Protein backbone atom coordinates (compact mmCIF):
# COMPACT_ATOMS: atom_id res chain seq x y z
CA MET A 1 11.31 48.87 30.96
CA ARG A 2 12.45 52.45 30.66
CA ASN A 3 14.39 52.36 33.93
CA SER A 4 15.97 48.96 33.37
CA PRO A 5 19.78 48.93 33.25
CA ASP A 6 19.74 47.66 29.65
CA VAL A 7 18.15 50.87 28.28
CA ALA A 8 19.42 53.45 30.82
CA HIS A 9 22.56 54.14 28.77
CA PRO A 10 23.36 54.51 25.07
CA PRO A 11 23.95 51.17 23.30
CA TRP A 12 27.75 51.41 23.41
CA ARG A 13 27.69 51.79 27.21
CA ARG A 14 25.07 49.20 28.06
CA LYS A 15 26.11 46.27 30.14
CA LEU A 16 24.20 43.32 28.82
CA ARG A 17 23.41 40.68 31.36
CA HIS A 18 23.54 37.79 28.95
CA ARG A 19 27.19 38.46 28.15
CA ASN A 20 28.32 37.49 31.62
CA LYS A 21 30.12 34.22 31.86
CA ARG A 22 27.92 31.62 33.44
CA SER A 23 29.30 28.67 35.26
CA ARG A 24 28.82 25.59 33.12
CA LYS A 25 26.71 22.92 34.74
CA PRO A 26 28.28 19.48 34.57
CA THR A 27 26.33 17.03 32.45
CA LEU A 28 25.85 13.36 33.03
CA HIS A 29 27.95 12.51 29.99
CA GLU A 30 30.87 14.80 30.67
CA GLY A 31 34.11 13.12 29.71
CA HIS A 32 32.34 10.26 27.92
CA GLU A 33 32.23 11.75 24.42
CA MET A 34 34.72 9.24 23.03
CA PHE A 35 32.84 6.35 24.60
CA GLU A 36 29.58 7.56 23.05
CA TYR A 37 31.30 8.00 19.69
CA GLU A 38 32.61 4.42 19.84
CA LEU A 39 29.12 3.15 20.70
CA HIS A 40 27.80 5.06 17.70
CA GLN A 41 30.46 3.53 15.46
CA ILE A 42 29.66 0.01 16.72
CA ARG A 43 25.93 0.50 16.20
CA SER A 44 26.49 1.96 12.73
CA ALA A 45 28.70 -0.97 11.70
CA ASP A 46 26.10 -3.40 13.08
CA LEU A 47 23.31 -1.77 11.06
CA ILE A 48 25.44 -1.84 7.90
CA ARG A 49 26.23 -5.53 8.46
CA GLU A 50 22.55 -6.31 9.08
CA ALA A 51 21.50 -4.49 5.89
CA GLN A 52 24.12 -6.38 3.88
CA ASN A 53 22.84 -9.71 5.23
CA HIS A 54 19.28 -8.70 4.36
CA ARG A 55 20.33 -7.84 0.79
CA LEU A 56 22.18 -11.16 0.49
CA VAL A 57 19.10 -13.12 1.62
CA ARG A 58 16.87 -11.22 -0.82
CA GLU A 59 19.28 -11.90 -3.66
CA ALA A 60 19.47 -15.62 -2.79
CA LEU A 61 15.66 -15.86 -2.77
CA ARG A 62 15.45 -14.06 -6.10
CA LEU A 63 18.04 -16.39 -7.66
CA ARG A 64 16.23 -19.43 -6.27
CA ARG A 65 12.91 -18.17 -7.67
CA ASP A 66 14.48 -17.44 -11.06
CA ALA A 67 16.02 -20.93 -11.18
CA ARG A 68 12.67 -22.52 -10.32
CA ASP A 69 10.92 -20.49 -13.03
CA ALA A 70 13.62 -21.49 -15.55
CA ARG A 71 13.16 -25.18 -14.65
CA LYS A 72 9.40 -24.89 -15.12
CA ALA A 73 9.86 -23.14 -18.45
CA ALA A 74 12.28 -25.85 -19.64
CA ALA A 75 9.82 -28.57 -18.59
CA GLY A 76 7.09 -26.89 -20.62
CA GLU A 77 4.80 -26.11 -17.70
CA PRO A 78 2.53 -23.11 -18.21
CA ASP A 79 3.50 -19.86 -16.54
CA THR A 80 1.45 -19.38 -13.38
CA GLU A 81 2.39 -15.76 -12.83
CA GLY A 82 -0.06 -14.06 -10.50
CA GLN A 83 -1.90 -17.27 -9.64
CA SER A 84 -1.90 -18.96 -6.28
CA THR A 85 0.69 -21.72 -5.97
CA SER A 86 -0.65 -23.09 -2.71
CA HIS A 87 -1.92 -26.63 -2.18
CA SER A 88 -5.56 -25.59 -2.66
CA ASN A 89 -7.27 -23.85 -5.54
CA ARG A 90 -8.84 -21.23 -3.28
CA PRO A 91 -7.86 -17.64 -4.01
CA ARG A 92 -5.76 -15.85 -1.43
CA ARG A 93 -8.34 -13.14 -0.90
CA PRO A 94 -12.09 -13.20 -1.18
CA ARG A 95 -13.33 -12.06 -4.56
CA PHE A 96 -15.46 -9.27 -3.11
CA ALA A 97 -14.83 -6.99 -0.16
CA ARG A 98 -16.97 -7.43 2.94
CA ALA A 99 -20.00 -5.26 3.33
CA ALA A 100 -19.77 -2.68 6.05
């Protein structure tokens, strides 16, 4: 280490190896930055559109459920919040957890 060229001279005279210009290796994507950016923009717009459709479906289901609940309330049916509305009277889950 003591005889290496980096420490043989005072700091202001040292020739640091890492400051040499290296030849840049060509990458696979060289010259395709704009193409990749456009792909990113397309994918981003697609994800935004998909999220908007998902929100629209959720809102439609919520409105449909609210309308159904309002109809039941107007007809005088009891509120079945939290109860199973399937064709059978069986609970969705067993009452007790399975033993190990």
